[in-house]
Amino acid sequence: HSVRVIAEQPTPDRLRVAVVDKSRRCMPELHHAG
């Protein structure tokens, strides 16, 4: 129903963006679309 969106600098030289949802289904996989 909702997502948590996060932007952070875990170290001075990195930017991390993240999205948290409440589902353990449908894990992201890299696919090459036609």
All heavy atoms as atom14 arrays in JSON, in Angstrom:
{
  "sequence": "HSVRVIAEQPTPDRLRVAVVDKSRRCMPELHHAG",
  "atom14_mask": [
    [1, 1, 1, 1, 1, 1, 1, 1, 1, 1, 0, 0, 0, 0],
    [1, 1, 1, 1, 1, 1, 0, 0, 0, 0, 0, 0, 0, 0],
    [1, 1, 1, 1, 1, 1, 1, 0, 0, 0, 0, 0, 0, 0],
    [1, 1, 1, 1, 1, 1, 1, 1, 1, 1, 1, 0, 0, 0],
    [1, 1, 1, 1, 1, 1, 1, 0, 0, 0, 0, 0, 0, 0],
    [1, 1, 1, 1, 1, 1, 1, 1, 0, 0, 0, 0, 0, 0],
    [1, 1, 1, 1, 1, 0, 0, 0, 0, 0, 0, 0, 0, 0],
    [1, 1, 1, 1, 1, 1, 1, 1, 1, 0, 0, 0, 0, 0],
    [1, 1, 1, 1, 1, 1, 1, 1, 1, 0, 0, 0, 0, 0],
    [1, 1, 1, 1, 1, 1, 1, 0, 0, 0, 0, 0, 0, 0],
    [1, 1, 1, 1, 1, 1, 1, 0, 0, 0, 0, 0, 0, 0],
    [1, 1, 1, 1, 1, 1, 1, 0, 0, 0, 0, 0, 0, 0],
    [1, 1, 1, 1, 1, 1, 1, 1, 0, 0, 0, 0, 0, 0],
    [1, 1, 1, 1, 1, 1, 1, 1, 1, 1, 1, 0, 0, 0],
    [1, 1, 1, 1, 1, 1, 1, 1, 0, 0, 0, 0, 0, 0],
    [1, 1, 1, 1, 1, 1, 1, 1, 1, 1, 1, 0, 0, 0],
    [1, 1, 1, 1, 1, 1, 1, 0, 0, 0, 0, 0, 0, 0],
    [1, 1, 1, 1, 1, 0, 0, 0, 0, 0, 0, 0, 0, 0],
    [1, 1, 1, 1, 1, 1, 1, 0, 0, 0, 0, 0, 0, 0],
    [1, 1, 1, 1, 1, 1, 1, 0, 0, 0, 0, 0, 0, 0],
    [1, 1, 1, 1, 1, 1, 1, 1, 0, 0, 0, 0, 0, 0],
    [1, 1, 1, 1, 1, 1, 1, 1, 1, 0, 0, 0, 0, 0],
    [1, 1, 1, 1, 1, 1, 0, 0, 0, 0, 0, 0, 0, 0],
    [1, 1, 1, 1, 1, 1, 1, 1, 1, 1, 1, 0, 0, 0],
    [1, 1, 1, 1, 1, 1, 1, 1, 1, 1, 1, 0, 0, 0],
    [1, 1, 1, 1, 1, 1, 0, 0, 0, 0, 0, 0, 0, 0],
    [1, 1, 1, 1, 1, 1, 1, 1, 0, 0, 0, 0, 0, 0],
    [1, 1, 1, 1, 1, 1, 1, 0, 0, 0, 0, 0, 0, 0],
    [1, 1, 1, 1, 1, 1, 1, 1, 1, 0, 0, 0, 0, 0],
    [1, 1, 1, 1, 1, 1, 1, 1, 0, 0, 0, 0, 0, 0],
    [1, 1, 1, 1, 1, 1, 1, 1, 1, 1, 0, 0, 0, 0],
    [1, 1, 1, 1, 1, 1, 1, 1, 1, 1, 0, 0, 0, 0],
    [1, 1, 1, 1, 1, 0, 0, 0, 0, 0, 0, 0, 0, 0],
    [1, 1, 1, 1, 0, 0, 0, 0, 0, 0, 0, 0, 0, 0]
  ],
  "atom14_positions": [
    [[0.83, -1.21, 0.0], [0.0, 0.0, 0.0], [0.86, 1.26, 0.0], [0.43, 2.32, -0.42], [-0.94, 0.02, 1.21], [-1.95, -1.07, 1.17], [-2.99, -1.09, 0.27], [-2.07, -2.2, 1.9], [-3.71, -2.18, 0.45], [-3.17, -2.87, 1.44], [0.0, 0.0, 0.0], [0.0, 0.0, 0.0], [0.0, 0.0, 0.0], [0.0, 0.0, 0.0]],
    [[2.09, 1.12, 0.52], [2.99, 2.26, 0.58], [4.42, 1.81, 0.33], [4.73, 0.61, 0.4], [2.89, 2.95, 1.94], [3.3, 2.07, 2.96], [0.0, 0.0, 0.0], [0.0, 0.0, 0.0], [0.0, 0.0, 0.0], [0.0, 0.0, 0.0], [0.0, 0.0, 0.0], [0.0, 0.0, 0.0], [0.0, 0.0, 0.0], [0.0, 0.0, 0.0]],
    [[5.28, 2.78, 0.03], [6.71, 2.53, -0.13], [7.45, 3.57, 0.7], [6.99, 4.69, 0.86], [7.17, 2.58, -1.61], [6.57, 1.44, -2.4], [6.86, 3.92, -2.25], [0.0, 0.0, 0.0], [0.0, 0.0, 0.0], [0.0, 0.0, 0.0], [0.0, 0.0, 0.0], [0.0, 0.0, 0.0], [0.0, 0.0, 0.0], [0.0, 0.0, 0.0]],
    [[8.59, 3.18, 1.21], [9.48, 4.11, 1.92], [10.61, 4.45, 0.97], [11.26, 3.56, 0.43], [10.03, 3.47, 3.19], [10.83, 4.4, 4.05], [9.91, 5.31, 4.8], [10.65, 6.14, 5.74], [10.11, 7.16, 6.35], [8.85, 7.48, 6.12], [10.81, 7.88, 7.18], [0.0, 0.0, 0.0], [0.0, 0.0, 0.0], [0.0, 0.0, 0.0]],
    [[10.82, 5.73, 0.72], [11.83, 6.21, -0.21], [12.94, 6.85, 0.62], [12.68, 7.67, 1.5], [11.19, 7.24, -1.18], [12.23, 7.86, -2.07], [10.09, 6.58, -1.98], [0.0, 0.0, 0.0], [0.0, 0.0, 0.0], [0.0, 0.0, 0.0], [0.0, 0.0, 0.0], [0.0, 0.0, 0.0], [0.0, 0.0, 0.0], [0.0, 0.0, 0.0]],
    [[14.19, 6.48, 0.32], [15.32, 6.94, 1.12], [16.42, 7.45, 0.19], [16.75, 6.8, -0.81], [15.89, 5.79, 1.98], [14.8, 5.21, 2.87], [17.11, 6.26, 2.79], [15.11, 3.82, 3.4], [0.0, 0.0, 0.0], [0.0, 0.0, 0.0], [0.0, 0.0, 0.0], [0.0, 0.0, 0.0], [0.0, 0.0, 0.0], [0.0, 0.0, 0.0]],
    [[16.99, 8.59, 0.54], [18.2, 9.09, -0.11], [19.2, 9.34, 1.01], [18.85, 9.93, 2.04], [17.92, 10.37, -0.88], [0.0, 0.0, 0.0], [0.0, 0.0, 0.0], [0.0, 0.0, 0.0], [0.0, 0.0, 0.0], [0.0, 0.0, 0.0], [0.0, 0.0, 0.0], [0.0, 0.0, 0.0], [0.0, 0.0, 0.0], [0.0, 0.0, 0.0]],
    [[20.41, 8.87, 0.81], [21.41, 9.05, 1.86], [22.81, 9.05, 1.28], [23.03, 8.61, 0.15], [21.28, 7.96, 2.92], [21.53, 6.56, 2.4], [21.22, 5.48, 3.43], [21.21, 5.78, 4.64], [21.0, 4.34, 3.03], [0.0, 0.0, 0.0], [0.0, 0.0, 0.0], [0.0, 0.0, 0.0], [0.0, 0.0, 0.0], [0.0, 0.0, 0.0]],
    [[23.72, 9.56, 2.07], [25.14, 9.48, 1.76], [25.76, 8.6, 2.83], [26.12, 9.09, 3.89], [25.79, 10.86, 1.79], [25.71, 11.62, 0.51], [26.51, 12.9, 0.59], [25.96, 13.93, 0.89], [27.81, 12.8, 0.35], [0.0, 0.0, 0.0], [0.0, 0.0, 0.0], [0.0, 0.0, 0.0], [0.0, 0.0, 0.0], [0.0, 0.0, 0.0]],
    [[25.88, 7.3, 2.58], [26.43, 6.41, 3.62], [27.91, 6.68, 3.89], [28.4, 6.36, 4.96], [26.2, 5.01, 3.06], [26.06, 5.2, 1.58], [25.5, 6.58, 1.38], [0.0, 0.0, 0.0], [0.0, 0.0, 0.0], [0.0, 0.0, 0.0], [0.0, 0.0, 0.0], [0.0, 0.0, 0.0], [0.0, 0.0, 0.0], [0.0, 0.0, 0.0]],
    [[28.59, 7.27, 2.92], [29.98, 7.72, 3.06], [30.08, 9.04, 2.29], [29.21, 9.34, 1.46], [30.98, 6.69, 2.49], [30.74, 6.53, 1.09], [30.87, 5.34, 3.18], [0.0, 0.0, 0.0], [0.0, 0.0, 0.0], [0.0, 0.0, 0.0], [0.0, 0.0, 0.0], [0.0, 0.0, 0.0], [0.0, 0.0, 0.0], [0.0, 0.0, 0.0]],
    [[31.11, 9.82, 2.52], [31.2, 11.12, 1.85], [31.25, 11.03, 0.33], [30.89, 11.98, -0.36], [32.5, 11.73, 2.38], [32.86, 10.96, 3.59], [32.22, 9.61, 3.46], [0.0, 0.0, 0.0], [0.0, 0.0, 0.0], [0.0, 0.0, 0.0], [0.0, 0.0, 0.0], [0.0, 0.0, 0.0], [0.0, 0.0, 0.0], [0.0, 0.0, 0.0]],
    [[31.67, 9.88, -0.2], [31.84, 9.76, -1.66], [30.76, 8.94, -2.35], [30.88, 8.6, -3.52], [33.21, 9.17, -1.97], [33.37, 7.74, -1.46], [32.61, 7.32, -0.57], [34.28, 7.05, -1.96], [0.0, 0.0, 0.0], [0.0, 0.0, 0.0], [0.0, 0.0, 0.0], [0.0, 0.0, 0.0], [0.0, 0.0, 0.0], [0.0, 0.0, 0.0]],
    [[29.66, 8.63, -1.65], [28.6, 7.8, -2.24], [27.23, 8.42, -2.0], [26.95, 8.96, -0.93], [28.59, 6.4, -1.66], [29.78, 5.58, -2.06], [29.5, 4.1, -1.87], [30.52, 3.36, -2.59], [30.41, 2.96, -3.84], [29.32, 3.17, -4.51], [31.39, 2.3, -4.43], [0.0, 0.0, 0.0], [0.0, 0.0, 0.0], [0.0, 0.0, 0.0]],
    [[26.37, 8.26, -2.99], [24.95, 8.59, -2.87], [24.19, 7.29, -3.06], [24.42, 6.57, -4.03], [24.53, 9.6, -3.94], [23.02, 9.89, -4.01], [22.54, 10.57, -2.72], [22.71, 10.75, -5.23], [0.0, 0.0, 0.0], [0.0, 0.0, 0.0], [0.0, 0.0, 0.0], [0.0, 0.0, 0.0], [0.0, 0.0, 0.0], [0.0, 0.0, 0.0]],
    [[23.31, 7.01, -2.11], [22.49, 5.8, -2.18], [21.02, 6.2, -2.2], [20.6, 7.03, -1.4], [22.75, 4.89, -0.99], [21.81, 3.68, -0.94], [22.02, 2.86, 0.29], [23.08, 1.9, 0.03], [23.1, 0.67, 0.5], [22.15, 0.24, 1.29], [24.09, -0.13, 0.2], [0.0, 0.0, 0.0], [0.0, 0.0, 0.0], [0.0, 0.0, 0.0]],
    [[20.28, 5.62, -3.12], [18.83, 5.77, -3.14], [18.24, 4.39, -2.91], [18.8, 3.38, -3.37], [18.32, 6.4, -4.46], [18.84, 7.81, -4.61], [18.67, 5.56, -5.67], [0.0, 0.0, 0.0], [0.0, 0.0, 0.0], [0.0, 0.0, 0.0], [0.0, 0.0, 0.0], [0.0, 0.0, 0.0], [0.0, 0.0, 0.0], [0.0, 0.0, 0.0]],
    [[17.14, 4.35, -2.18], [16.53, 3.05, -1.86], [15.02, 3.19, -1.76], [14.5, 4.27, -1.45], [17.09, 2.53, -0.53], [0.0, 0.0, 0.0], [0.0, 0.0, 0.0], [0.0, 0.0, 0.0], [0.0, 0.0, 0.0], [0.0, 0.0, 0.0], [0.0, 0.0, 0.0], [0.0, 0.0, 0.0], [0.0, 0.0, 0.0], [0.0, 0.0, 0.0]],
    [[14.36, 2.08, -2.03], [12.91, 2.01, -1.91], [12.58, 0.72, -1.15], [13.06, -0.35, -1.51], [12.22, 2.01, -3.29], [10.71, 1.89, -3.14], [12.59, 3.26, -4.07], [0.0, 0.0, 0.0], [0.0, 0.0, 0.0], [0.0, 0.0, 0.0], [0.0, 0.0, 0.0], [0.0, 0.0, 0.0], [0.0, 0.0, 0.0], [0.0, 0.0, 0.0]],
    [[11.78, 0.87, -0.11], [11.4, -0.27, 0.72], [9.91, -0.52, 0.52], [9.1, 0.41, 0.56], [11.68, 0.03, 2.21], [11.27, -1.15, 3.08], [13.15, 0.37, 2.42], [0.0, 0.0, 0.0], [0.0, 0.0, 0.0], [0.0, 0.0, 0.0], [0.0, 0.0, 0.0], [0.0, 0.0, 0.0], [0.0, 0.0, 0.0], [0.0, 0.0, 0.0]],
    [[9.56, -1.8, 0.27], [8.16, -2.18, 0.22], [7.95, -3.38, 1.13], [8.91, -3.95, 1.64], [7.68, -2.44, -1.22], [8.35, -3.62, -1.89], [8.36, -4.72, -1.29], [8.84, -3.45, -3.01], [0.0, 0.0, 0.0], [0.0, 0.0, 0.0], [0.0, 0.0, 0.0], [0.0, 0.0, 0.0], [0.0, 0.0, 0.0], [0.0, 0.0, 0.0]],
    [[6.71, -3.76, 1.34], [6.38, -4.81, 2.31], [6.17, -6.17, 1.67], [5.55, -7.03, 2.26], [5.15, -4.4, 3.11], [5.42, -3.19, 3.98], [4.21, -2.8, 4.78], [4.55, -1.58, 5.61], [3.41, -1.1, 6.37], [0.0, 0.0, 0.0], [0.0, 0.0, 0.0], [0.0, 0.0, 0.0], [0.0, 0.0, 0.0], [0.0, 0.0, 0.0]],
    [[6.72, -6.36, 0.47], [6.54, -7.63, -0.21], [7.88, -8.34, -0.35], [8.88, -7.74, -0.72], [5.95, -7.4, -1.6], [5.92, -8.61, -2.32], [0.0, 0.0, 0.0], [0.0, 0.0, 0.0], [0.0, 0.0, 0.0], [0.0, 0.0, 0.0], [0.0, 0.0, 0.0], [0.0, 0.0, 0.0], [0.0, 0.0, 0.0], [0.0, 0.0, 0.0]],
    [[7.87, -9.63, -0.08], [9.06, -10.46, -0.33], [8.89, -11.23, -1.63], [9.75, -12.01, -2.0], [9.29, -11.4, 0.85], [9.71, -10.64, 2.1], [9.87, -11.57, 3.29], [10.85, -12.6, 3.05], [12.06, -12.64, 3.61], [12.43, -11.68, 4.41], [12.87, -13.63, 3.37], [0.0, 0.0, 0.0], [0.0, 0.0, 0.0], [0.0, 0.0, 0.0]],
    [[7.76, -11.03, -2.29], [7.51, -11.66, -3.58], [8.13, -10.8, -4.67], [8.44, -9.65, -4.46], [6.02, -11.8, -3.86], [5.28, -12.65, -2.86], [3.84, -12.84, -3.24], [3.16, -11.52, -3.3], [1.98, -11.35, -3.83], [1.33, -12.34, -4.37], [1.42, -10.15, -3.82], [0.0, 0.0, 0.0], [0.0, 0.0, 0.0], [0.0, 0.0, 0.0]],
    [[8.27, -11.38, -5.82], [8.69, -10.65, -7.02], [9.99, -9.88, -6.8], [10.02, -8.66, -6.83], [7.58, -9.72, -7.48], [7.75, -9.25, -9.21], [0.0, 0.0, 0.0], [0.0, 0.0, 0.0], [0.0, 0.0, 0.0], [0.0, 0.0, 0.0], [0.0, 0.0, 0.0], [0.0, 0.0, 0.0], [0.0, 0.0, 0.0], [0.0, 0.0, 0.0]],
    [[11.06, -10.63, -6.57], [12.36, -10.01, -6.37], [12.87, -9.44, -7.7], [12.69, -10.05, -8.75], [13.35, -11.05, -5.84], [12.97, -11.61, -4.48], [12.88, -10.37, -3.19], [14.59, -9.95, -3.05], [0.0, 0.0, 0.0], [0.0, 0.0, 0.0], [0.0, 0.0, 0.0], [0.0, 0.0, 0.0], [0.0, 0.0, 0.0], [0.0, 0.0, 0.0]],
    [[13.48, -8.27, -7.66], [13.99, -7.66, -8.9], [15.06, -8.52, -9.57], [15.96, -9.02, -8.9], [14.59, -6.34, -8.43], [14.04, -6.1, -7.07], [13.72, -7.44, -6.5], [0.0, 0.0, 0.0], [0.0, 0.0, 0.0], [0.0, 0.0, 0.0], [0.0, 0.0, 0.0], [0.0, 0.0, 0.0], [0.0, 0.0, 0.0], [0.0, 0.0, 0.0]],
    [[14.92, -8.69, -10.86], [15.9, -9.44, -11.65], [16.19, -8.65, -12.91], [15.29, -8.09, -13.53], [15.35, -10.81, -12.04], [15.18, -11.77, -10.89], [14.68, -13.11, -11.38], [15.12, -13.58, -12.44], [13.82, -13.68, -10.68], [0.0, 0.0, 0.0], [0.0, 0.0, 0.0], [0.0, 0.0, 0.0], [0.0, 0.0, 0.0], [0.0, 0.0, 0.0]],
    [[17.44, -8.65, -13.29], [17.87, -7.95, -14.5], [17.5, -8.78, -15.72], [17.92, -9.93, -15.86], [19.38, -7.72, -14.45], [19.99, -6.88, -15.54], [19.43, -5.47, -15.55], [21.5, -6.82, -15.35], [0.0, 0.0, 0.0], [0.0, 0.0, 0.0], [0.0, 0.0, 0.0], [0.0, 0.0, 0.0], [0.0, 0.0, 0.0], [0.0, 0.0, 0.0]],
    [[16.64, -8.22, -16.57], [16.24, -8.87, -17.82], [16.52, -7.9, -18.96], [16.43, -6.69, -18.79], [14.73, -9.18, -17.83], [14.31, -10.17, -16.8], [14.54, -11.51, -16.91], [13.66, -10.0, -15.63], [14.05, -12.13, -15.85], [13.51, -11.23, -15.05], [0.0, 0.0, 0.0], [0.0, 0.0, 0.0], [0.0, 0.0, 0.0], [0.0, 0.0, 0.0]],
    [[16.84, -8.45, -20.11], [17.03, -7.61, -21.29], [15.79, -7.75, -22.17], [15.55, -8.81, -22.75], [18.31, -8.0, -22.03], [19.52, -7.71, -21.21], [20.05, -6.43, -21.1], [20.3, -8.5, -20.44], [21.09, -6.47, -20.3], [21.27, -7.7, -19.88], [0.0, 0.0, 0.0], [0.0, 0.0, 0.0], [0.0, 0.0, 0.0], [0.0, 0.0, 0.0]],
    [[15.0, -6.68, -22.22], [13.75, -6.68, -22.98], [14.06, -6.59, -24.47], [15.03, -5.96, -24.88], [12.88, -5.51, -22.55], [0.0, 0.0, 0.0], [0.0, 0.0, 0.0], [0.0, 0.0, 0.0], [0.0, 0.0, 0.0], [0.0, 0.0, 0.0], [0.0, 0.0, 0.0], [0.0, 0.0, 0.0], [0.0, 0.0, 0.0], [0.0, 0.0, 0.0]],
    [[13.22, -7.21, -25.26], [13.35, -7.14, -26.7], [13.02, -5.74, -27.21], [12.43, -4.93, -26.48], [0.0, 0.0, 0.0], [0.0, 0.0, 0.0], [0.0, 0.0, 0.0], [0.0, 0.0, 0.0], [0.0, 0.0, 0.0], [0.0, 0.0, 0.0], [0.0, 0.0, 0.0], [0.0, 0.0, 0.0], [0.0, 0.0, 0.0], [0.0, 0.0, 0.0]]
  ]
}
